[in-house]
Protein backbone atom coordinates (compact mmCIF):
# COMPACT_ATOMS: atom_id res chain seq x y z
CA ASP A 1 16.74 -36.32 -7.18
CA GLU A 2 17.98 -33.31 -6.62
CA LYS A 3 16.26 -32.69 -3.15
CA ALA A 4 17.96 -36.37 -2.39
CA ILE A 5 21.14 -35.56 -2.94
CA VAL A 6 20.78 -32.09 -0.92
CA ARG A 7 19.83 -34.32 1.86
CA ARG A 8 22.39 -36.71 1.51
CA ASN A 9 25.01 -34.21 1.21
CA ALA A 10 23.51 -32.26 4.42
CA PHE A 11 23.62 -36.07 6.08
CA ASN A 12 27.36 -36.32 5.45
CA LYS A 13 28.21 -33.13 6.76
CA ILE A 14 26.61 -34.00 10.06
CA LEU A 15 28.53 -36.51 10.25
CA LYS A 16 31.67 -34.94 9.65
CA THR A 17 31.31 -31.85 11.84
CA LYS A 18 28.52 -32.99 14.34
CA GLU A 19 26.46 -29.82 14.12
CA PHE A 20 23.20 -28.83 12.41
CA VAL A 21 22.65 -27.94 9.09
CA ASN A 22 20.12 -25.27 7.99
CA TRP A 23 18.88 -24.92 4.15
CA ALA A 24 15.44 -23.95 2.14
CA ASP A 25 13.84 -25.98 0.50
CA GLU A 26 11.54 -24.47 -2.51
CA PHE A 27 9.03 -26.19 -4.91
CA ILE A 28 5.60 -26.19 -6.33
CA ASP A 29 3.00 -28.51 -4.43
CA LYS A 30 0.41 -30.61 -5.75
CA ASN A 31 -1.84 -27.45 -6.11
CA GLY A 32 0.49 -25.70 -8.39
CA LYS A 33 1.46 -23.41 -5.74
CA ARG A 34 4.92 -22.30 -4.54
CA LYS A 35 6.28 -23.39 -1.27
CA ILE A 36 9.42 -22.41 0.80
CA MET A 37 10.20 -24.68 3.62
CA GLN A 38 13.13 -23.85 5.92
CA ARG A 39 14.98 -27.66 6.50
CA SER A 40 16.95 -28.22 9.43
CA MET A 41 19.23 -31.34 10.02
CA GLY A 42 21.32 -32.14 13.08
CA PRO A 43 22.47 -34.77 15.56
CA LEU A 44 21.78 -36.53 18.69
CA PHE A 45 24.23 -37.63 20.91
CA ASP A 46 24.62 -40.51 23.29
CA ASP A 47 26.10 -40.58 26.65
CA SER A 48 29.80 -41.04 25.08
CA GLY A 49 29.54 -38.09 22.51
CA GLU A 50 28.95 -39.90 19.40
CA ILE A 51 26.19 -39.38 16.72
CA ARG A 52 23.20 -41.82 17.88
CA PHE A 53 20.51 -40.26 15.48
CA VAL A 54 20.36 -37.42 12.81
CA ILE A 55 17.04 -35.90 12.94
CA GLY A 56 15.33 -33.27 10.67
CA TYR A 57 12.23 -31.11 10.55
CA GLY A 58 10.81 -28.79 8.40
CA THR A 59 9.13 -25.38 8.96
CA ASP A 60 6.66 -23.61 6.51
CA ASP A 61 8.24 -20.59 5.56
CA THR A 62 6.21 -19.37 2.47
CA LYS A 63 4.05 -16.56 3.76
CA ARG A 64 6.95 -14.76 4.82
CA VAL A 65 9.43 -14.94 2.01
CA LEU A 66 6.54 -14.07 -0.30
CA ALA A 67 5.66 -11.19 2.02
CA GLU A 68 9.21 -10.04 1.94
CA GLU A 69 9.56 -10.61 -1.87
CA ASP A 70 5.88 -8.51 -1.70
CA ASN A 71 7.83 -5.67 0.50
CA VAL A 72 10.76 -5.51 -2.28
CA LYS A 73 8.73 -5.16 -5.22
CA LEU A 74 6.29 -2.92 -3.42
CA SER A 75 9.27 -0.60 -2.15
CA LEU A 76 10.54 -0.55 -5.91
CA PHE A 77 7.28 0.37 -7.52
CA ALA A 78 6.68 3.11 -4.20
CA LYS A 79 10.50 4.54 -4.99
CA ASN A 80 10.39 5.07 -8.95
CA THR A 81 6.41 5.75 -9.57
CA ASN A 82 5.00 9.13 -10.25
CA ASN A 83 2.06 8.79 -8.17
CA GLY A 84 2.40 10.00 -4.38
CA VAL A 85 2.72 6.85 -1.91
CA LEU A 86 2.23 7.51 2.25
CA MET A 87 2.53 4.97 4.66
CA LEU A 88 0.50 5.09 7.82
CA ASN A 89 0.85 2.79 11.12
CA LYS A 90 -2.58 1.65 13.00
CA ASN A 91 -2.78 5.23 14.74
CA ARG A 92 -2.65 7.03 11.70
CA GLU A 93 0.62 8.26 11.90
CA ILE A 94 2.85 8.88 8.92
CA THR A 95 5.53 6.32 8.83
CA TRP A 96 7.02 6.63 5.59
CA ALA A 97 6.58 8.57 2.34
CA ASN A 98 7.70 8.30 -1.16
CA THR A 99 9.70 11.30 -3.40
CA ALA A 100 6.97 11.84 -5.78
CA PHE A 101 4.66 12.70 -2.39
CA LEU A 102 7.30 14.98 -1.02
CA GLU A 103 7.80 16.76 -3.66
CA ARG A 104 4.30 17.37 -4.40
CA SER A 105 3.60 18.14 -0.89
CA GLY A 106 6.69 20.57 -0.50
CA TYR A 107 7.29 18.78 3.17
CA SER A 108 10.51 16.90 3.85
CA LEU A 109 9.99 13.25 5.19
CA GLY A 110 11.48 14.57 8.51
CA GLU A 111 8.53 17.11 8.88
CA ILE A 112 5.63 14.50 8.46
CA ILE A 113 6.86 11.38 10.40
CA SER A 114 5.02 10.45 13.03
CA LYS A 115 2.60 12.86 12.42
CA GLY A 116 -0.92 12.35 12.28
CA SER A 117 -2.31 12.03 9.04
CA ALA A 118 -5.82 13.91 9.51
CA ASP A 119 -4.40 16.69 11.40
CA PHE A 120 -0.80 17.47 9.78
CA LEU A 121 -2.05 17.18 6.05
CA PHE A 122 -5.91 16.94 5.66
CA ASP A 123 -8.27 19.84 6.85
CA GLN A 124 -9.54 18.29 10.21
CA THR A 125 -13.25 18.70 9.26
CA SER A 126 -12.93 16.70 6.59
CA ILE A 127 -15.37 13.78 7.41
CA SER A 128 -15.23 11.92 4.48
CA PHE A 129 -11.72 11.49 4.61
CA LEU A 130 -11.42 10.20 8.70
CA SER A 131 -14.89 7.99 7.67
CA ILE A 132 -13.17 6.19 4.57
CA LEU A 133 -10.20 5.07 7.15
CA ASP A 134 -12.97 3.48 9.51
CA THR A 135 -14.63 2.07 6.65
CA ALA A 136 -11.71 0.68 4.72
CA THR A 137 -10.52 -0.99 8.39
CA GLU A 138 -14.34 -2.07 8.66
CA ASN A 139 -14.17 -3.94 5.22
CA LYS A 140 -10.80 -4.81 5.25
CA LYS A 141 -10.79 -3.59 1.63
CA LYS A 142 -9.72 -0.66 -0.78
CA VAL A 143 -11.12 2.56 -0.41
CA SER A 144 -11.02 5.48 -3.17
CA LEU A 145 -11.99 9.00 -2.62
CA GLU A 146 -10.77 12.79 -3.98
CA LEU A 147 -9.23 15.42 -1.72
CA MET A 148 -7.69 19.09 -2.50
CA ARG A 149 -4.95 19.52 -0.44
CA LYS A 150 -2.58 22.17 0.37
CA SER A 151 1.38 22.21 -0.29
CA LYS A 152 3.18 23.46 2.65
CA ASN A 153 3.43 27.00 0.51
CA GLY A 154 -0.07 26.78 0.42
CA LYS A 155 -0.74 25.90 -3.54
CA GLU A 156 -3.44 23.91 -3.78
CA TYR A 157 -3.66 20.47 -5.94
CA TRP A 158 -6.56 17.77 -6.25
CA VAL A 159 -5.67 14.28 -5.47
CA ASP A 160 -7.44 10.45 -6.66
CA VAL A 161 -6.43 8.64 -2.85
CA ASN A 162 -6.27 5.02 -3.17
CA VAL A 163 -6.81 3.78 0.66
CA GLN A 164 -5.43 0.05 1.39
CA PRO A 165 -5.55 -1.15 4.92
CA PHE A 166 -2.81 -3.90 6.08
CA PHE A 167 -3.37 -6.51 8.81
CA ASP A 168 -1.94 -9.25 10.14
CA ASN A 169 -2.54 -12.84 10.14
CA ALA A 170 -4.73 -12.59 12.85
CA ASN A 171 -6.68 -9.45 11.07
CA VAL A 172 -5.22 -7.20 13.39
CA LEU A 173 -4.94 -4.02 11.61
CA MET A 174 -1.27 -3.05 11.49
CA GLY A 175 -1.56 0.26 9.25
CA PHE A 176 -2.50 1.88 6.00
CA MET A 177 -0.81 2.75 2.72
CA PHE A 178 -2.27 5.61 0.09
CA ILE A 179 -1.20 5.59 -3.43
CA GLU A 180 -2.38 9.13 -4.78
CA PHE A 181 -2.80 9.95 -8.36
CA ASP A 182 -2.38 13.97 -9.04
CA ILE A 183 -5.93 14.97 -10.61
CA THR A 184 -5.53 18.58 -10.36
CA THR A 185 -5.84 19.46 -14.25
CA ARG A 186 -8.75 17.12 -14.41
CA ILE A 187 -10.70 18.90 -12.00
CA ALA A 188 -9.53 22.31 -13.29
CA ASP A 189 -10.73 21.11 -16.47
CA LYS A 190 -14.22 20.38 -15.24
CA GLN A 191 -14.76 23.41 -13.15
CA ILE A 192 -14.11 25.11 -16.51
CA ILE A 193 -16.48 23.26 -18.40
CA GLU A 194 -19.06 23.71 -15.61
CA ASN A 195 -18.51 27.95 -15.64
CA LEU A 196 -18.77 27.67 -19.36
CA ASN A 197 -21.78 25.43 -18.91
CA LEU A 198 -23.22 28.24 -16.32
CA ILE A 199 -22.45 31.00 -18.65
CA LEU A 200 -24.26 29.68 -21.38
CA GLU A 201 -27.44 28.75 -19.22
CA ASN A 202 -27.26 32.06 -18.06
CA ARG A 203 -27.02 33.65 -21.73
CA ILE A 204 -30.08 31.93 -22.82
CA LEU A 205 -32.55 32.36 -20.13
CA LYS A 206 -31.66 36.53 -20.89
CA LYS A 207 -32.55 35.40 -24.77
CA THR A 208 -35.23 33.78 -23.74
CA THR A 209 -36.81 36.35 -21.31
CA LYS A 210 -35.97 39.27 -23.70
CA LEU A 211 -38.08 37.07 -26.55
CA ILE A 212 -40.90 36.69 -23.88
CA THR A 213 -40.74 40.28 -23.17
CA ASN A 214 -40.87 41.26 -26.64
CA GLU A 215 -43.70 39.01 -27.18
CA LYS A 216 -45.70 40.50 -24.85
CA LYS A 217 -45.23 43.93 -26.04
CA LEU A 218 -46.38 43.14 -29.89
CA LYS A 219 -49.50 41.52 -28.44
């Protein structure tokens, strides 16, 4: 089949050049999963410098290749989405932010890189934010919360933040990714409705009090 032809060509090239040949071998395994193997084949020589054996071996490179592909997809998503994307290292220092985040916050990338997120972008008394990172790390799962932010020029805005922790193969924390959805309009509408309800309740209370007073006078 096709893989046998690749190996035969590699074998013949080795006999001709007396050098190792490397290539990637991709296939679907018996469980229907994609596998990527890095193959290497090369010569072993005798005392006179002639090829005595040709050896070959393969290394499973699936995780690395898939991770790189996911990173490319994530990078494209982060650059093109209207949602803010923020990357933190394990020390909770900012390592990258997309255009949407920078435009909303009013900061440049140079102003926030290597800055502590809790001290620089968030209220230091925001226990809920600090604890949410601890929760994400402990449970190794995405967590969410709503935050009120202030831009560089002092403008307030609200975001719904999804916090996703990242771990290496040994389950050691590598960092965090934040995806922020602007919910300023929704929060403003909610506050308007709450204020209207409060005004309505006060009016009803006043009318009720007046009716009770009038009823007592009639008695």
